[in-house]
Amino acid sequence: MFERFHKYASLMHFHAFALRWAGPLMWLALVLLAAGLVGGLVLAPTDYQQGESFRIMYIHVPSAWMSMFVYMTMAGAGILGLVWKVKLGDVIARAAAPLGASFTFLALVT
């Protein structure tokens, strides 16, 4: 069953797959991001003790979780590249580094 996924470890096959799905997944992510921001920052009721200042948790907590998730993904991709010599692991780790740093910066600022 999983043998059909093995071809995506090749950069050529993964690149074709990524080009095909990058556009639709980007639009889906933007729509979900906008819905989450509106729901958390506009539609959520105010807290009776903290007032409006508690809404920062709708930004801080997800960004902290995502930074840790991205760093764990980088560690997994690094192991994949070092142990099994899969070139795609190195590409994923290198591409995820700025994203992890951005989420860490956002978590620290908030």
N, C-alpha and C. Protein backbone atom coordinates (compact mmCIF):
# COMPACT_ATOMS: atom_id res chain seq x y z
N MET A 1 0.82 -1.19 0.00
CA MET A 1 0.00 0.00 0.00
C MET A 1 0.87 1.26 0.00
N PHE A 2 1.90 1.30 0.85
CA PHE A 2 2.73 2.50 0.95
C PHE A 2 3.78 2.57 -0.15
N GLU A 3 3.88 1.57 -0.97
CA GLU A 3 4.90 1.57 -2.02
C GLU A 3 4.67 2.67 -3.04
N ARG A 4 3.44 3.07 -3.22
CA ARG A 4 3.18 4.13 -4.19
C ARG A 4 3.67 5.49 -3.69
N PHE A 5 3.89 5.64 -2.37
CA PHE A 5 4.40 6.89 -1.81
C PHE A 5 5.92 6.98 -1.85
N HIS A 6 6.60 5.88 -2.09
CA HIS A 6 8.06 5.87 -2.10
C HIS A 6 8.62 6.75 -3.22
N LYS A 7 7.89 6.86 -4.31
CA LYS A 7 8.41 7.66 -5.42
C LYS A 7 8.50 9.14 -5.06
N TYR A 8 7.73 9.59 -4.07
CA TYR A 8 7.76 11.01 -3.69
C TYR A 8 8.99 11.36 -2.87
N ALA A 9 9.81 10.39 -2.51
CA ALA A 9 11.10 10.69 -1.87
C ALA A 9 12.10 11.20 -2.90
N SER A 10 11.81 10.98 -4.17
CA SER A 10 12.65 11.52 -5.24
C SER A 10 12.29 12.98 -5.46
N LEU A 11 13.30 13.82 -5.63
CA LEU A 11 13.06 15.25 -5.82
C LEU A 11 12.23 15.54 -7.06
N MET A 12 12.43 14.78 -8.12
CA MET A 12 11.70 15.02 -9.37
C MET A 12 10.20 14.79 -9.17
N HIS A 13 9.83 13.67 -8.56
CA HIS A 13 8.42 13.36 -8.35
C HIS A 13 7.80 14.29 -7.31
N PHE A 14 8.54 14.61 -6.25
CA PHE A 14 8.00 15.50 -5.24
C PHE A 14 7.80 16.90 -5.79
N HIS A 15 8.70 17.37 -6.64
CA HIS A 15 8.57 18.71 -7.21
C HIS A 15 7.30 18.80 -8.07
N ALA A 16 7.04 17.78 -8.87
CA ALA A 16 5.82 17.78 -9.69
C ALA A 16 4.57 17.76 -8.80
N PHE A 17 4.62 16.97 -7.73
CA PHE A 17 3.50 16.91 -6.79
C PHE A 17 3.29 18.26 -6.11
N ALA A 18 4.39 18.88 -5.68
CA ALA A 18 4.30 20.16 -4.98
C ALA A 18 3.79 21.27 -5.89
N LEU A 19 4.22 21.27 -7.15
CA LEU A 19 3.73 22.29 -8.08
C LEU A 19 2.24 22.17 -8.33
N ARG A 20 1.76 20.94 -8.36
CA ARG A 20 0.34 20.70 -8.62
C ARG A 20 -0.53 21.14 -7.45
N TRP A 21 -0.08 20.95 -6.22
CA TRP A 21 -0.91 21.19 -5.05
C TRP A 21 -0.61 22.49 -4.32
N ALA A 22 0.43 23.20 -4.67
CA ALA A 22 0.82 24.40 -3.93
C ALA A 22 -0.24 25.49 -4.02
N GLY A 23 -0.78 25.74 -5.18
CA GLY A 23 -1.77 26.80 -5.35
C GLY A 23 -3.06 26.56 -4.57
N PRO A 24 -3.72 25.41 -4.79
CA PRO A 24 -4.96 25.17 -4.04
C PRO A 24 -4.77 25.11 -2.53
N LEU A 25 -3.67 24.53 -2.07
CA LEU A 25 -3.45 24.45 -0.63
C LEU A 25 -3.11 25.82 -0.04
N MET A 26 -2.48 26.69 -0.83
CA MET A 26 -2.21 28.03 -0.35
C MET A 26 -3.51 28.80 -0.12
N TRP A 27 -4.43 28.70 -1.08
CA TRP A 27 -5.71 29.40 -0.93
C TRP A 27 -6.52 28.85 0.23
N LEU A 28 -6.50 27.53 0.41
CA LEU A 28 -7.19 26.92 1.54
C LEU A 28 -6.59 27.40 2.86
N ALA A 29 -5.27 27.48 2.93
CA ALA A 29 -4.60 27.95 4.14
C ALA A 29 -4.93 29.41 4.42
N LEU A 30 -4.98 30.25 3.41
CA LEU A 30 -5.31 31.66 3.62
C LEU A 30 -6.75 31.84 4.09
N VAL A 31 -7.67 31.07 3.54
CA VAL A 31 -9.07 31.15 3.98
C VAL A 31 -9.19 30.70 5.43
N LEU A 32 -8.54 29.59 5.78
CA LEU A 32 -8.61 29.11 7.16
C LEU A 32 -7.91 30.06 8.13
N LEU A 33 -6.81 30.67 7.70
CA LEU A 33 -6.12 31.65 8.53
C LEU A 33 -7.01 32.86 8.79
N ALA A 34 -7.66 33.36 7.75
CA ALA A 34 -8.56 34.50 7.92
C ALA A 34 -9.73 34.16 8.83
N ALA A 35 -10.30 32.96 8.66
CA ALA A 35 -11.41 32.55 9.53
C ALA A 35 -10.96 32.42 10.98
N GLY A 36 -9.78 31.89 11.21
CA GLY A 36 -9.28 31.75 12.58
C GLY A 36 -8.99 33.10 13.22
N LEU A 37 -8.41 34.02 12.46
CA LEU A 37 -8.13 35.35 13.01
C LEU A 37 -9.40 36.11 13.34
N VAL A 38 -10.39 36.04 12.45
CA VAL A 38 -11.66 36.71 12.72
C VAL A 38 -12.35 36.08 13.91
N GLY A 39 -12.35 34.75 13.97
CA GLY A 39 -13.00 34.08 15.09
C GLY A 39 -12.33 34.36 16.42
N GLY A 40 -11.00 34.38 16.44
CA GLY A 40 -10.28 34.59 17.69
C GLY A 40 -10.19 36.03 18.13
N LEU A 41 -10.02 36.94 17.17
CA LEU A 41 -9.79 38.33 17.53
C LEU A 41 -11.02 39.22 17.48
N VAL A 42 -12.08 38.78 16.79
CA VAL A 42 -13.27 39.62 16.66
C VAL A 42 -14.49 38.97 17.31
N LEU A 43 -14.74 37.71 17.01
CA LEU A 43 -15.98 37.06 17.45
C LEU A 43 -15.93 36.51 18.87
N ALA A 44 -14.76 36.23 19.40
CA ALA A 44 -14.65 35.67 20.75
C ALA A 44 -15.06 36.73 21.77
N PRO A 45 -15.85 36.33 22.77
CA PRO A 45 -16.28 37.33 23.78
C PRO A 45 -15.11 37.74 24.67
N THR A 46 -15.23 38.91 25.26
CA THR A 46 -14.18 39.39 26.14
C THR A 46 -14.21 38.64 27.47
N ASP A 47 -13.07 38.57 28.10
CA ASP A 47 -12.96 37.91 29.40
C ASP A 47 -13.45 38.87 30.48
N TYR A 48 -14.10 38.34 31.51
CA TYR A 48 -14.68 39.21 32.52
C TYR A 48 -13.63 39.80 33.45
N GLN A 49 -12.43 39.19 33.55
CA GLN A 49 -11.39 39.74 34.41
C GLN A 49 -10.32 40.48 33.61
N GLN A 50 -9.91 39.94 32.49
CA GLN A 50 -8.79 40.51 31.74
C GLN A 50 -9.23 41.46 30.64
N GLY A 51 -10.47 41.43 30.26
CA GLY A 51 -10.97 42.31 29.20
C GLY A 51 -10.46 41.86 27.83
N GLU A 52 -10.04 42.83 27.05
CA GLU A 52 -9.60 42.54 25.68
C GLU A 52 -8.19 41.98 25.62
N SER A 53 -7.41 42.16 26.68
CA SER A 53 -6.00 41.77 26.62
C SER A 53 -5.79 40.26 26.57
N PHE A 54 -6.80 39.46 26.90
CA PHE A 54 -6.62 38.02 26.88
C PHE A 54 -6.56 37.47 25.45
N ARG A 55 -7.00 38.24 24.49
CA ARG A 55 -7.04 37.76 23.10
C ARG A 55 -5.65 37.48 22.53
N ILE A 56 -4.62 37.94 23.21
CA ILE A 56 -3.25 37.69 22.75
C ILE A 56 -2.96 36.20 22.75
N MET A 57 -3.68 35.43 23.59
CA MET A 57 -3.43 33.98 23.63
C MET A 57 -3.85 33.31 22.33
N TYR A 58 -4.73 33.93 21.56
CA TYR A 58 -5.11 33.37 20.27
C TYR A 58 -4.01 33.51 19.23
N ILE A 59 -3.01 34.33 19.51
CA ILE A 59 -1.86 34.48 18.63
C ILE A 59 -0.64 33.79 19.23
N HIS A 60 -0.40 34.03 20.52
CA HIS A 60 0.81 33.54 21.16
C HIS A 60 0.86 32.01 21.25
N VAL A 61 -0.17 31.40 21.73
CA VAL A 61 -0.15 29.95 21.95
C VAL A 61 -0.02 29.17 20.63
N PRO A 62 -0.82 29.48 19.59
CA PRO A 62 -0.61 28.74 18.33
C PRO A 62 0.76 28.98 17.70
N SER A 63 1.29 30.19 17.83
CA SER A 63 2.61 30.42 17.24
C SER A 63 3.70 29.67 18.01
N ALA A 64 3.56 29.55 19.32
CA ALA A 64 4.53 28.77 20.09
C ALA A 64 4.43 27.28 19.74
N TRP A 65 3.22 26.78 19.62
CA TRP A 65 3.03 25.38 19.22
C TRP A 65 3.60 25.13 17.82
N MET A 66 3.33 26.04 16.91
CA MET A 66 3.81 25.84 15.54
C MET A 66 5.32 25.93 15.46
N SER A 67 5.94 26.78 16.26
CA SER A 67 7.40 26.84 16.24
C SER A 67 8.00 25.52 16.71
N MET A 68 7.44 24.95 17.77
CA MET A 68 7.95 23.66 18.25
C MET A 68 7.67 22.55 17.23
N PHE A 69 6.51 22.60 16.57
CA PHE A 69 6.19 21.60 15.55
C PHE A 69 7.15 21.70 14.38
N VAL A 70 7.47 22.91 13.95
CA VAL A 70 8.39 23.09 12.82
C VAL A 70 9.79 22.60 13.19
N TYR A 71 10.22 22.87 14.42
CA TYR A 71 11.55 22.40 14.83
C TYR A 71 11.60 20.88 14.94
N MET A 72 10.51 20.25 15.36
CA MET A 72 10.47 18.78 15.40
C MET A 72 10.45 18.21 13.97
N THR A 73 9.76 18.90 13.07
CA THR A 73 9.77 18.48 11.66
C THR A 73 11.17 18.60 11.09
N MET A 74 11.88 19.67 11.44
CA MET A 74 13.26 19.82 10.98
C MET A 74 14.15 18.72 11.52
N ALA A 75 13.94 18.34 12.78
CA ALA A 75 14.74 17.26 13.36
C ALA A 75 14.46 15.94 12.65
N GLY A 76 13.19 15.66 12.39
CA GLY A 76 12.83 14.43 11.66
C GLY A 76 13.39 14.43 10.25
N ALA A 77 13.30 15.56 9.57
CA ALA A 77 13.83 15.64 8.21
C ALA A 77 15.35 15.54 8.21
N GLY A 78 15.99 16.10 9.23
CA GLY A 78 17.44 15.98 9.34
C GLY A 78 17.88 14.55 9.56
N ILE A 79 17.15 13.83 10.41
CA ILE A 79 17.44 12.41 10.62
C ILE A 79 17.23 11.63 9.33
N LEU A 80 16.16 11.97 8.61
CA LEU A 80 15.88 11.30 7.34
C LEU A 80 17.03 11.53 6.35
N GLY A 81 17.55 12.74 6.32
CA GLY A 81 18.64 13.05 5.41
C GLY A 81 19.97 12.45 5.84
N LEU A 82 20.23 12.42 7.15
CA LEU A 82 21.52 11.91 7.63
C LEU A 82 21.58 10.39 7.65
N VAL A 83 20.50 9.76 8.08
CA VAL A 83 20.54 8.30 8.25
C VAL A 83 20.30 7.58 6.93
N TRP A 84 19.23 7.96 6.22
CA TRP A 84 18.88 7.24 5.00
C TRP A 84 19.33 7.95 3.73
N LYS A 85 20.01 9.07 3.85
CA LYS A 85 20.55 9.82 2.71
C LYS A 85 19.48 10.23 1.70
N VAL A 86 18.31 10.58 2.21
CA VAL A 86 17.23 11.06 1.35
C VAL A 86 17.42 12.56 1.18
N LYS A 87 17.63 12.98 -0.06
CA LYS A 87 17.91 14.40 -0.33
C LYS A 87 16.73 15.30 0.02
N LEU A 88 15.53 14.76 -0.07
CA LEU A 88 14.35 15.55 0.23
C LEU A 88 14.31 15.95 1.71
N GLY A 89 14.88 15.13 2.58
CA GLY A 89 14.95 15.49 3.99
C GLY A 89 15.76 16.74 4.23
N ASP A 90 16.87 16.87 3.53
CA ASP A 90 17.69 18.08 3.65
C ASP A 90 16.96 19.30 3.11
N VAL A 91 16.23 19.13 2.02
CA VAL A 91 15.47 20.23 1.44
C VAL A 91 14.38 20.69 2.40
N ILE A 92 13.68 19.75 3.02
CA ILE A 92 12.61 20.09 3.96
C ILE A 92 13.18 20.81 5.18
N ALA A 93 14.27 20.30 5.71
CA ALA A 93 14.87 20.93 6.89
C ALA A 93 15.33 22.35 6.58
N ARG A 94 15.90 22.54 5.42
CA ARG A 94 16.39 23.87 5.05
C ARG A 94 15.23 24.84 4.79
N ALA A 95 14.16 24.35 4.21
CA ALA A 95 13.01 25.21 3.92
C ALA A 95 12.21 25.53 5.18
N ALA A 96 12.24 24.66 6.17
CA ALA A 96 11.45 24.88 7.38
C ALA A 96 12.13 25.81 8.37
N ALA A 97 13.41 26.02 8.26
CA ALA A 97 14.14 26.84 9.23
C ALA A 97 13.62 28.28 9.31
N PRO A 98 13.41 29.00 8.21
CA PRO A 98 12.88 30.36 8.34
C PRO A 98 11.46 30.40 8.91
N LEU A 99 10.67 29.38 8.60
CA LEU A 99 9.32 29.32 9.13
C LEU A 99 9.34 29.13 10.65
N GLY A 100 10.19 28.24 11.12
CA GLY A 100 10.32 28.05 12.56
C GLY A 100 10.82 29.30 13.27
N ALA A 101 11.78 29.98 12.66
CA ALA A 101 12.28 31.21 13.25
C ALA A 101 11.21 32.30 13.28
N SER A 102 10.38 32.35 12.25
CA SER A 102 9.29 33.35 12.22
C SER A 102 8.27 33.09 13.31
N PHE A 103 7.88 31.84 13.48
CA PHE A 103 6.92 31.52 14.54
C PHE A 103 7.53 31.74 15.92
N THR A 104 8.79 31.46 16.09
CA THR A 104 9.45 31.72 17.37
C THR A 104 9.50 33.21 17.65
N PHE A 105 9.82 34.02 16.65
CA PHE A 105 9.82 35.47 16.82
C PHE A 105 8.44 35.97 17.20
N LEU A 106 7.41 35.46 16.53
CA LEU A 106 6.03 35.89 16.84
C LEU A 106 5.64 35.49 18.26
N ALA A 107 6.05 34.29 18.69
CA ALA A 107 5.74 33.85 20.06
C ALA A 107 6.47 34.72 21.08
N LEU A 108 7.70 35.09 20.80
CA LEU A 108 8.45 35.91 21.73
C LEU A 108 7.92 37.35 21.79
N VAL A 109 7.50 37.87 20.66
CA VAL A 109 6.98 39.24 20.63
C VAL A 109 5.64 39.32 21.36
N THR A 110 4.81 38.31 21.21
CA THR A 110 3.49 38.36 21.85
C THR A 110 3.58 37.94 23.29
